[in-house]
Amino acid sequence: MAAIGMNRAWTLDQAQRTGVALSQAEVIADTMSQERPVLPAPHQVAAEIWNTTIGEPIMRERRGQMQGNPRNLIFHAYHTLWPTILGFAIGGFLGVLLAVGIVHSRAMDMSVMPWAIASQTIPILAIAPIIVVVVSNLPALNAAVDQGWISDDTKLLVPKALISSYLSFFPVVVGMVAGLRSPQASDLDLMRTYSASRSQTFWKLRLPAAVPFLFTSLKVSIAAALVGTIVAELPTGARFGLGARLLTGSYYGQTIQIWSALFMAAICAAALVMILGALERVVLKRMGARA
């Protein structure tokens, strides 16, 4: 219904220009099949996803070599997922380290945590171009490209991974801090009764208690990492990736292409969260948690 309402104006305008009187059924049929609608109909988005995944090969031969097919949506998803996973790994690792330091150091709790919170108030759209420009002009990266060690597309992987890690580390910090502080005072007193050291208390009590919190925060983190990668692809001039697909669609008014890329991003995020959920069930089962 929304597609009919938003696309109706174009149909009526074209009918008025040509002097053709359209019935209500013809108006509805045209609004559901426009080439560049304001709001695509669901079947148009589904057909676009099908045509750009199943209907197009992922690899194609070009100049005697097999290369990725830019018309395939899975190919673009791959170029988005790789920096997403890399940035997620970096952000998750830094988040766990910061959380451990915050829990065990009063100074870090008072100094680092406020800065971590403040860092998330900076709009990612504002700092993404800055990071892209600075990192892309690092002498080491430029030298590697000149020597042929890496390609220009690989060079763009670094700023995308950094922006992805910037968005993904904060949920891990908050979740791990809450998890490491979740043991009750009686549990900590019991560890002191056994003369456990701080490291023993951490490995035997705090870390196992923080595992459920960790996986919950990781699910939020990986979705944020995907958003960060897509945002990073917009100012980098990347040729491949879901962000580049969105940008190309907006340039040429291809709203169906835009929506198909958005749905592919949602599918990728759901798949990544499901993988973490499966890993969480395996880890908790190995730890003896009840289903």
C-alpha atoms as a PDB file:
ATOM      1  CA  MET A   1       0.000   0.000   0.000  1.00  0.00           C
ATOM      2  CA  ALA A   2       2.866   2.383   0.784  1.00  0.00           C
ATOM      3  CA  ALA A   3       4.410   1.748  -2.625  1.00  0.00           C
ATOM      4  CA  ILE A   4       1.106   2.533  -4.341  1.00  0.00           C
ATOM      5  CA  GLY A   5       0.675   5.777  -2.405  1.00  0.00           C
ATOM      6  CA  MET A   6       4.226   7.037  -2.989  1.00  0.00           C
ATOM      7  CA  ASN A   7       4.473   6.006  -6.651  1.00  0.00           C
ATOM      8  CA  ARG A   8       0.976   7.145  -7.592  1.00  0.00           C
ATOM      9  CA  ALA A   9       1.971  10.787  -8.240  1.00  0.00           C
ATOM     10  CA  TRP A  10       4.431   9.828 -10.990  1.00  0.00           C
ATOM     11  CA  THR A  11       1.887   7.587 -12.712  1.00  0.00           C
ATOM     12  CA  LEU A  12      -0.827  10.236 -12.686  1.00  0.00           C
ATOM     13  CA  ASP A  13       1.607  12.902 -13.879  1.00  0.00           C
ATOM     14  CA  GLN A  14       2.716  10.802 -16.846  1.00  0.00           C
ATOM     15  CA  ALA A  15      -0.891   9.971 -17.700  1.00  0.00           C
ATOM     16  CA  GLN A  16      -1.810  13.678 -17.626  1.00  0.00           C
ATOM     17  CA  ARG A  17       1.121  14.577 -19.887  1.00  0.00           C
ATOM     18  CA  THR A  18       0.090  12.011 -22.485  1.00  0.00           C
ATOM     19  CA  GLY A  19      -3.637  12.696 -22.126  1.00  0.00           C
ATOM     20  CA  VAL A  20      -4.433   9.092 -21.241  1.00  0.00           C
ATOM     21  CA  ALA A  21      -7.142   8.300 -18.724  1.00  0.00           C
ATOM     22  CA  LEU A  22      -6.167   5.431 -16.425  1.00  0.00           C
ATOM     23  CA  SER A  23      -8.460   3.255 -14.370  1.00  0.00           C
ATOM     24  CA  GLN A  24      -7.756   2.563 -10.737  1.00  0.00           C
ATOM     25  CA  ALA A  25      -6.527  -0.929 -11.577  1.00  0.00           C
ATOM     26  CA  GLU A  26      -4.129   0.448 -14.213  1.00  0.00           C
ATOM     27  CA  VAL A  27      -2.790   3.022 -11.772  1.00  0.00           C
ATOM     28  CA  ILE A  28      -2.120   0.329  -9.171  1.00  0.00           C
ATOM     29  CA  ALA A  29      -0.474  -1.937 -11.758  1.00  0.00           C
ATOM     30  CA  ASP A  30       1.824   0.861 -12.922  1.00  0.00           C
ATOM     31  CA  THR A  31       2.844   1.898  -9.399  1.00  0.00           C
ATOM     32  CA  MET A  32       3.882  -1.676  -8.674  1.00  0.00           C
ATOM     33  CA  SER A  33       6.061  -2.019 -11.772  1.00  0.00           C
ATOM     34  CA  GLN A  34       7.865   1.305 -12.240  1.00  0.00           C
ATOM     35  CA  GLU A  35      11.500   1.120 -13.308  1.00  0.00           C
ATOM     36  CA  ARG A  36      12.651   3.790 -10.838  1.00  0.00           C
ATOM     37  CA  PRO A  37       9.955   3.995  -8.185  1.00  0.00           C
ATOM     38  CA  VAL A  38      10.103   6.254  -5.155  1.00  0.00           C
ATOM     39  CA  LEU A  39       9.384   3.198  -3.016  1.00  0.00           C
ATOM     40  CA  PRO A  40       9.877  -0.212  -4.648  1.00  0.00           C
ATOM     41  CA  ALA A  41       7.272  -2.908  -4.223  1.00  0.00           C
ATOM     42  CA  PRO A  42       8.349  -6.008  -2.258  1.00  0.00           C
ATOM     43  CA  HIS A  43       8.303  -8.231  -5.339  1.00  0.00           C
ATOM     44  CA  GLN A  44      10.623  -5.803  -7.165  1.00  0.00           C
ATOM     45  CA  VAL A  45      13.182  -5.946  -4.359  1.00  0.00           C
ATOM     46  CA  ALA A  46      12.907  -9.738  -4.172  1.00  0.00           C
ATOM     47  CA  ALA A  47      13.376 -10.030  -7.943  1.00  0.00           C
ATOM     48  CA  GLU A  48      16.414  -7.717  -7.824  1.00  0.00           C
ATOM     49  CA  ILE A  49      18.014  -9.778  -5.042  1.00  0.00           C
ATOM     50  CA  TRP A  50      17.354 -12.975  -6.984  1.00  0.00           C
ATOM     51  CA  ASN A  51      18.688 -11.572 -10.259  1.00  0.00           C
ATOM     52  CA  THR A  52      21.865 -10.192  -8.638  1.00  0.00           C
ATOM     53  CA  THR A  53      22.648 -13.336  -6.646  1.00  0.00           C
ATOM     54  CA  ILE A  54      21.355 -16.443  -8.413  1.00  0.00           C
ATOM     55  CA  GLY A  55      20.989 -14.785 -11.803  1.00  0.00           C
ATOM     56  CA  GLU A  56      24.559 -13.481 -11.938  1.00  0.00           C
ATOM     57  CA  PRO A  57      27.759 -15.542 -11.510  1.00  0.00           C
ATOM     58  CA  ILE A  58      30.004 -14.524  -8.639  1.00  0.00           C
ATOM     59  CA  MET A  59      33.109 -14.853 -10.822  1.00  0.00           C
ATOM     60  CA  ARG A  60      33.480 -14.006 -14.500  1.00  0.00           C
ATOM     61  CA  GLU A  61      36.280 -14.198 -17.033  1.00  0.00           C
ATOM     62  CA  ARG A  62      37.840 -10.879 -18.005  1.00  0.00           C
ATOM     63  CA  ARG A  63      40.987 -10.446 -20.059  1.00  0.00           C
ATOM     64  CA  GLY A  64      41.736 -14.126 -19.730  1.00  0.00           C
ATOM     65  CA  GLN A  65      41.463 -14.090 -15.909  1.00  0.00           C
ATOM     66  CA  MET A  66      38.686 -15.005 -13.520  1.00  0.00           C
ATOM     67  CA  GLN A  67      37.606 -11.935 -11.574  1.00  0.00           C
ATOM     68  CA  GLY A  68      34.750 -10.994  -9.287  1.00  0.00           C
ATOM     69  CA  ASN A  69      31.525  -9.943 -10.941  1.00  0.00           C
ATOM     70  CA  PRO A  70      30.474  -6.435  -9.792  1.00  0.00           C
ATOM     71  CA  ARG A  71      26.906  -7.209 -10.846  1.00  0.00           C
ATOM     72  CA  ASN A  72      26.645  -9.946  -8.210  1.00  0.00           C
ATOM     73  CA  LEU A  73      25.379  -8.851  -4.795  1.00  0.00           C
ATOM     74  CA  ILE A  74      27.185 -11.684  -3.001  1.00  0.00           C
ATOM     75  CA  PHE A  75      30.463 -10.354  -4.424  1.00  0.00           C
ATOM     76  CA  HIS A  76      29.722  -6.927  -2.904  1.00  0.00           C
ATOM     77  CA  ALA A  77      28.682  -8.544   0.396  1.00  0.00           C
ATOM     78  CA  TYR A  78      32.039 -10.343   0.536  1.00  0.00           C
ATOM     79  CA  HIS A  79      33.931  -7.057   0.170  1.00  0.00           C
ATOM     80  CA  THR A  80      31.877  -5.621   3.039  1.00  0.00           C
ATOM     81  CA  LEU A  81      32.060  -8.653   5.328  1.00  0.00           C
ATOM     82  CA  TRP A  82      35.857  -9.017   5.214  1.00  0.00           C
ATOM     83  CA  PRO A  83      36.637  -5.587   6.781  1.00  0.00           C
ATOM     84  CA  THR A  84      33.620  -6.035   9.064  1.00  0.00           C
ATOM     85  CA  ILE A  85      35.036  -9.226  10.566  1.00  0.00           C
ATOM     86  CA  LEU A  86      38.524  -7.718  10.791  1.00  0.00           C
ATOM     87  CA  GLY A  87      37.235  -4.564  12.498  1.00  0.00           C
ATOM     88  CA  PHE A  88      35.015  -6.649  14.773  1.00  0.00           C
ATOM     89  CA  ALA A  89      38.006  -8.740  15.862  1.00  0.00           C
ATOM     90  CA  ILE A  90      40.094  -5.639  16.579  1.00  0.00           C
ATOM     91  CA  GLY A  91      37.276  -3.843  18.374  1.00  0.00           C
ATOM     92  CA  GLY A  92      36.309  -6.902  20.391  1.00  0.00           C
ATOM     93  CA  PHE A  93      39.894  -7.533  21.487  1.00  0.00           C
ATOM     94  CA  LEU A  94      40.416  -3.915  22.530  1.00  0.00           C
ATOM     95  CA  GLY A  95      37.047  -3.878  24.259  1.00  0.00           C
ATOM     96  CA  VAL A  96      37.888  -6.917  26.391  1.00  0.00           C
ATOM     97  CA  LEU A  97      41.300  -5.482  27.308  1.00  0.00           C
ATOM     98  CA  LEU A  98      39.772  -2.132  28.316  1.00  0.00           C
ATOM     99  CA  ALA A  99      37.067  -3.855  30.344  1.00  0.00           C
ATOM    100  CA  VAL A 100      39.623  -5.922  32.271  1.00  0.00           C
ATOM    101  CA  GLY A 101      41.663  -2.796  32.983  1.00  0.00           C
ATOM    102  CA  ILE A 102      38.593  -0.820  34.082  1.00  0.00           C
ATOM    103  CA  VAL A 103      37.460  -3.530  36.491  1.00  0.00           C
ATOM    104  CA  HIS A 104      40.889  -4.018  38.051  1.00  0.00           C
ATOM    105  CA  SER A 105      42.092  -0.420  38.086  1.00  0.00           C
ATOM    106  CA  ARG A 106      40.284   2.408  39.812  1.00  0.00           C
ATOM    107  CA  ALA A 107      42.315   4.929  37.810  1.00  0.00           C
ATOM    108  CA  MET A 108      41.227   3.412  34.485  1.00  0.00           C
ATOM    109  CA  ASP A 109      37.644   3.261  35.675  1.00  0.00           C
ATOM    110  CA  MET A 110      37.679   6.974  36.444  1.00  0.00           C
ATOM    111  CA  SER A 111      39.627   8.034  33.337  1.00  0.00           C
ATOM    112  CA  VAL A 112      39.091   5.603  30.461  1.00  0.00           C
ATOM    113  CA  MET A 113      35.387   4.823  30.876  1.00  0.00           C
ATOM    114  CA  PRO A 114      34.196   8.444  30.517  1.00  0.00           C
ATOM    115  CA  TRP A 115      36.330   8.848  27.391  1.00  0.00           C
ATOM    116  CA  ALA A 116      34.954   5.617  25.945  1.00  0.00           C
ATOM    117  CA  ILE A 117      31.433   6.906  26.488  1.00  0.00           C
ATOM    118  CA  ALA A 118      32.298  10.323  25.058  1.00  0.00           C
ATOM    119  CA  SER A 119      33.816   8.738  21.941  1.00  0.00           C
ATOM    120  CA  GLN A 120      30.419   7.376  20.964  1.00  0.00           C
ATOM    121  CA  THR A 121      28.860  10.852  20.909  1.00  0.00           C
ATOM    122  CA  ILE A 122      30.942  11.797  17.843  1.00  0.00           C
ATOM    123  CA  PRO A 123      28.929  11.165  14.647  1.00  0.00           C
ATOM    124  CA  ILE A 124      30.594   8.453  12.617  1.00  0.00           C
ATOM    125  CA  LEU A 125      29.725  10.312   9.415  1.00  0.00           C
ATOM    126  CA  ALA A 126      31.870  13.212  10.635  1.00  0.00           C
ATOM    127  CA  ILE A 127      35.015  11.257  11.460  1.00  0.00           C
ATOM    128  CA  ALA A 128      34.836   8.615   8.723  1.00  0.00           C
ATOM    129  CA  PRO A 129      36.173  10.925   5.966  1.00  0.00           C
ATOM    130  CA  ILE A 130      38.950  12.124   8.287  1.00  0.00           C
ATOM    131  CA  ILE A 131      40.063   8.574   9.062  1.00  0.00           C
ATOM    132  CA  VAL A 132      39.893   7.631   5.388  1.00  0.00           C
ATOM    133  CA  VAL A 133      42.029  10.597   4.287  1.00  0.00           C
ATOM    134  CA  VAL A 134      44.626  10.194   7.039  1.00  0.00           C
ATOM    135  CA  VAL A 135      45.018   6.415   6.798  1.00  0.00           C
ATOM    136  CA  SER A 136      44.932   6.333   2.996  1.00  0.00           C
ATOM    137  CA  ASN A 137      47.872   8.770   2.881  1.00  0.00           C
ATOM    138  CA  LEU A 138      50.115   6.872   5.275  1.00  0.00           C
ATOM    139  CA  PRO A 139      53.572   6.526   3.660  1.00  0.00           C
ATOM    140  CA  ALA A 140      53.791   2.837   4.518  1.00  0.00           C
ATOM    141  CA  LEU A 141      50.545   2.013   2.731  1.00  0.00           C
ATOM    142  CA  ASN A 142      51.405   4.116  -0.304  1.00  0.00           C
ATOM    143  CA  ALA A 143      54.837   2.478  -0.509  1.00  0.00           C
ATOM    144  CA  ALA A 144      53.228  -0.969  -0.355  1.00  0.00           C
ATOM    145  CA  VAL A 145      50.916  -0.037  -3.236  1.00  0.00           C
ATOM    146  CA  ASP A 146      53.813   1.391  -5.289  1.00  0.00           C
ATOM    147  CA  GLN A 147      55.827  -1.782  -4.757  1.00  0.00           C
ATOM    148  CA  GLY A 148      52.882  -3.894  -5.849  1.00  0.00           C
ATOM    149  CA  TRP A 149      52.604  -5.699  -2.517  1.00  0.00           C
ATOM    150  CA  ILE A 150      48.969  -4.696  -2.093  1.00  0.00           C
ATOM    151  CA  SER A 151      46.292  -3.370  -4.433  1.00  0.00           C
ATOM    152  CA  ASP A 152      44.337  -0.150  -4.079  1.00  0.00           C
ATOM    153  CA  ASP A 153      41.280  -2.150  -2.964  1.00  0.00           C
ATOM    154  CA  THR A 154      43.335  -3.821  -0.226  1.00  0.00           C
ATOM    155  CA  LYS A 155      44.614  -0.412   0.842  1.00  0.00           C
ATOM    156  CA  LEU A 156      41.027   0.701   1.460  1.00  0.00           C
ATOM    157  CA  LEU A 157      40.577  -2.273   3.780  1.00  0.00           C
ATOM    158  CA  VAL A 158      42.572  -0.548   6.540  1.00  0.00           C
ATOM    159  CA  PRO A 159      40.398   2.568   7.065  1.00  0.00           C
ATOM    160  CA  LYS A 160      37.221   0.500   6.726  1.00  0.00           C
ATOM    161  CA  ALA A 161      38.416  -1.932   9.404  1.00  0.00           C
ATOM    162  CA  LEU A 162      39.407   0.940  11.713  1.00  0.00           C
ATOM    163  CA  ILE A 163      36.015   2.630  11.431  1.00  0.00           C
ATOM    164  CA  SER A 164      34.334  -0.730  11.956  1.00  0.00           C
ATOM    165  CA  SER A 165      36.393  -1.372  15.095  1.00  0.00           C
ATOM    166  CA  TYR A 166      35.597   2.145  16.360  1.00  0.00           C
ATOM    167  CA  LEU A 167      31.890   1.334  16.427  1.00  0.00           C
ATOM    168  CA  SER A 168      32.266  -2.237  17.643  1.00  0.00           C
ATOM    169  CA  PHE A 169      34.524  -1.837  20.693  1.00  0.00           C
ATOM    170  CA  PHE A 170      32.115   0.134  22.889  1.00  0.00           C
ATOM    171  CA  PRO A 171      29.375  -2.525  23.303  1.00  0.00           C
ATOM    172  CA  VAL A 172      32.063  -5.029  24.271  1.00  0.00           C
ATOM    173  CA  VAL A 173      33.520  -2.661  26.870  1.00  0.00           C
ATOM    174  CA  VAL A 174      30.139  -2.033  28.492  1.00  0.00           C
ATOM    175  CA  GLY A 175      29.069  -5.682  28.381  1.00  0.00           C
ATOM    176  CA  MET A 176      32.343  -7.047  29.734  1.00  0.00           C
ATOM    177  CA  VAL A 177      32.526  -4.492  32.538  1.00  0.00           C
ATOM    178  CA  ALA A 178      29.019  -5.488  33.618  1.00  0.00           C
ATOM    179  CA  GLY A 179      29.895  -9.177  33.323  1.00  0.00           C
ATOM    180  CA  LEU A 180      33.169  -8.967  35.231  1.00  0.00           C
ATOM    181  CA  ARG A 181      31.393  -7.101  38.031  1.00  0.00           C
ATOM    182  CA  SER A 182      28.424  -9.468  38.098  1.00  0.00           C
ATOM    183  CA  PRO A 183      29.741 -11.878  40.805  1.00  0.00           C
ATOM    184  CA  GLN A 184      28.148 -11.165  44.173  1.00  0.00           C
ATOM    185  CA  ALA A 185      30.098 -10.023  47.195  1.00  0.00           C
ATOM    186  CA  SER A 186      29.605 -13.433  48.833  1.00  0.00           C
ATOM    187  CA  ASP A 187      31.300 -15.118  45.852  1.00  0.00           C
ATOM    188  CA  LEU A 188      34.270 -12.772  46.083  1.00  0.00           C
ATOM    189  CA  ASP A 189      34.476 -13.349  49.845  1.00  0.00           C
ATOM    190  CA  LEU A 190      34.529 -17.089  49.242  1.00  0.00           C
ATOM    191  CA  MET A 191      37.485 -16.690  46.869  1.00  0.00           C
ATOM    192  CA  ARG A 192      39.324 -14.663  49.516  1.00  0.00           C
ATOM    193  CA  THR A 193      38.573 -17.400  52.045  1.00  0.00           C
ATOM    194  CA  TYR A 194      40.364 -19.834  49.736  1.00  0.00           C
ATOM    195  CA  SER A 195      43.294 -17.344  49.549  1.00  0.00           C
ATOM    196  CA  ALA A 196      42.797 -16.966  45.790  1.00  0.00           C
ATOM    197  CA  SER A 197      44.937 -14.380  44.059  1.00  0.00           C
ATOM    198  CA  ARG A 198      43.486 -11.665  41.809  1.00  0.00           C
ATOM    199  CA  SER A 199      44.412 -13.641  38.720  1.00  0.00           C
ATOM    200  CA  GLN A 200      42.800 -16.810  40.110  1.00  0.00           C
ATOM    201  CA  THR A 201      39.666 -14.851  40.991  1.00  0.00           C
ATOM    202  CA  PHE A 202      39.603 -13.474  37.472  1.00  0.00           C
ATOM    203  CA  TRP A 203      40.000 -16.803  35.676  1.00  0.00           C
ATOM    204  CA  LYS A 204      37.896 -18.909  38.044  1.00  0.00           C
ATOM    205  CA  LEU A 205      35.082 -16.497  38.896  1.00  0.00           C
ATOM    206  CA  ARG A 206      34.912 -13.199  37.030  1.00  0.00           C
ATOM    207  CA  LEU A 207      35.603 -14.450  33.484  1.00  0.00           C
ATOM    208  CA  PRO A 208      33.155 -17.405  33.557  1.00  0.00           C
ATOM    209  CA  ALA A 209      30.491 -15.074  34.969  1.00  0.00           C
ATOM    210  CA  ALA A 210      31.171 -12.564  32.161  1.00  0.00           C
ATOM    211  CA  VAL A 211      30.846 -15.016  29.253  1.00  0.00           C
ATOM    212  CA  PRO A 212      27.046 -14.606  28.782  1.00  0.00           C
ATOM    213  CA  PHE A 213      27.469 -10.819  28.941  1.00  0.00           C
ATOM    214  CA  LEU A 214      30.315 -11.053  26.433  1.00  0.00           C
ATOM    215  CA  PHE A 215      28.311 -12.899  23.804  1.00  0.00           C
ATOM    216  CA  THR A 216      25.346 -10.560  24.209  1.00  0.00           C
ATOM    217  CA  SER A 217      27.607  -7.560  23.654  1.00  0.00           C
ATOM    218  CA  LEU A 218      29.362  -9.277  20.743  1.00  0.00           C
ATOM    219  CA  LYS A 219      26.036  -9.653  18.929  1.00  0.00           C
ATOM    220  CA  VAL A 220      25.445  -5.922  19.236  1.00  0.00           C
ATOM    221  CA  SER A 221      29.065  -5.238  18.345  1.00  0.00           C
ATOM    222  CA  ILE A 222      29.129  -7.186  15.105  1.00  0.00           C
ATOM    223  CA  ALA A 223      25.976  -5.453  13.867  1.00  0.00           C
ATOM    224  CA  ALA A 224      27.599  -2.100  14.677  1.00  0.00           C
ATOM    225  CA  ALA A 225      30.766  -3.221  12.890  1.00  0.00           C
ATOM    226  CA  LEU A 226      28.771  -3.942   9.730  1.00  0.00           C
ATOM    227  CA  VAL A 227      27.195  -0.487   9.878  1.00  0.00           C
ATOM    228  CA  GLY A 228      30.648   1.046  10.348  1.00  0.00           C
ATOM    229  CA  THR A 229      32.019  -0.723   7.280  1.00  0.00           C
ATOM    230  CA  ILE A 230      29.109   0.372   5.097  1.00  0.00           C
ATOM    231  CA  VAL A 231      29.486   3.962   6.299  1.00  0.00           C
ATOM    232  CA  ALA A 232      33.240   3.803   5.672  1.00  0.00           C
ATOM    233  CA  GLU A 233      32.704   2.661   2.094  1.00  0.00           C
ATOM    234  CA  LEU A 234      30.810   5.847   1.226  1.00  0.00           C
ATOM    235  CA  PRO A 235      33.719   8.367   1.405  1.00  0.00           C
ATOM    236  CA  THR A 236      36.486   5.937   0.388  1.00  0.00           C
ATOM    237  CA  GLY A 237      35.498   5.798  -3.248  1.00  0.00           C
ATOM    238  CA  ALA A 238      35.339   2.027  -2.979  1.00  0.00           C
ATOM    239  CA  ARG A 239      34.263   0.255  -6.157  1.00  0.00           C
ATOM    240  CA  PHE A 240      33.018  -2.836  -4.375  1.00  0.00           C
ATOM    241  CA  GLY A 241      30.958  -3.402  -1.238  1.00  0.00           C
ATOM    242  CA  LEU A 242      27.396  -2.860  -0.126  1.00  0.00           C
ATOM    243  CA  GLY A 243      28.159   0.772   0.708  1.00  0.00           C
ATOM    244  CA  ALA A 244      29.498   1.335  -2.808  1.00  0.00           C
ATOM    245  CA  ARG A 245      26.378  -0.355  -4.139  1.00  0.00           C
ATOM    246  CA  LEU A 246      24.193   2.026  -2.142  1.00  0.00           C
ATOM    247  CA  LEU A 247      26.165   5.024  -3.355  1.00  0.00           C
ATOM    248  CA  THR A 248      25.947   3.950  -6.998  1.00  0.00           C
ATOM    249  CA  GLY A 249      22.214   3.416  -6.676  1.00  0.00           C
ATOM    250  CA  SER A 250      21.718   6.865  -5.196  1.00  0.00           C
ATOM    251  CA  TYR A 251      23.767   8.495  -7.977  1.00  0.00           C
ATOM    252  CA  TYR A 252      21.646   6.978 -10.728  1.00  0.00           C
ATOM    253  CA  GLY A 253      18.310   6.953  -8.917  1.00  0.00           C
ATOM    254  CA  GLN A 254      18.179   3.153  -8.790  1.00  0.00           C
ATOM    255  CA  THR A 255      15.962   2.803  -5.743  1.00  0.00           C
ATOM    256  CA  ILE A 256      15.436  -0.912  -6.310  1.00  0.00           C
ATOM    257  CA  GLN A 257      19.209  -1.429  -6.220  1.00  0.00           C
ATOM    258  CA  ILE A 258      19.410   0.598  -3.010  1.00  0.00           C
ATOM    259  CA  TRP A 259      16.755  -1.452  -1.275  1.00  0.00           C
ATOM    260  CA  SER A 260      18.234  -4.754  -2.422  1.00  0.00           C
ATOM    261  CA  ALA A 261      21.611  -3.726  -0.971  1.00  0.00           C
ATOM    262  CA  LEU A 262      19.914  -2.748   2.289  1.00  0.00           C
ATOM    263  CA  PHE A 263      18.191  -6.116   2.527  1.00  0.00           C
ATOM    264  CA  MET A 264      21.465  -7.905   1.760  1.00  0.00           C
ATOM    265  CA  ALA A 265      23.113  -5.957   4.593  1.00  0.00           C
ATOM    266  CA  ALA A 266      20.306  -7.028   6.926  1.00  0.00           C
ATOM    267  CA  ILE A 267      20.735 -10.660   5.814  1.00  0.00           C
ATOM    268  CA  CYS A 268      24.485 -10.464   6.463  1.00  0.00           C
ATOM    269  CA  ALA A 269      23.930  -8.973   9.923  1.00  0.00           C
ATOM    270  CA  ALA A 270      21.379 -11.661  10.788  1.00  0.00           C
ATOM    271  CA  ALA A 271      23.754 -14.394   9.595  1.00  0.00           C
ATOM    272  CA  LEU A 272      26.643 -13.036  11.676  1.00  0.00           C
ATOM    273  CA  VAL A 273      24.457 -12.789  14.785  1.00  0.00           C
ATOM    274  CA  MET A 274      23.198 -16.339  14.239  1.00  0.00           C
ATOM    275  CA  ILE A 275      26.778 -17.618  13.980  1.00  0.00           C
ATOM    276  CA  LEU A 276      27.635 -15.913  17.276  1.00  0.00           C
ATOM    277  CA  GLY A 277      24.478 -17.364  18.816  1.00  0.00           C
ATOM    278  CA  ALA A 278      25.485 -20.866  17.772  1.00  0.00           C
ATOM    279  CA  LEU A 279      28.996 -20.308  19.145  1.00  0.00           C
ATOM    280  CA  GLU A 280      27.490 -19.019  22.386  1.00  0.00           C
ATOM    281  CA  ARG A 281      25.404 -22.172  22.837  1.00  0.00           C
ATOM    282  CA  VAL A 282      28.453 -24.374  22.251  1.00  0.00           C
ATOM    283  CA  VAL A 283      30.640 -22.427  24.699  1.00  0.00           C
ATOM    284  CA  LEU A 284      28.001 -22.272  27.427  1.00  0.00           C
ATOM    285  CA  LYS A 285      27.287 -25.977  27.023  1.00  0.00           C
ATOM    286  CA  ARG A 286      30.981 -26.760  27.410  1.00  0.00           C
ATOM    287  CA  MET A 287      30.977 -24.614  30.551  1.00  0.00           C
ATOM    288  CA  GLY A 288      28.140 -26.676  32.001  1.00  0.00           C
ATOM    289  CA  ALA A 289      25.313 -24.190  31.555  1.00  0.00           C
ATOM    290  CA  ARG A 290      21.826 -25.623  31.388  1.00  0.00           C
ATOM    291  CA  ALA A 291      19.851 -25.233  28.150  1.00  0.00           C
END
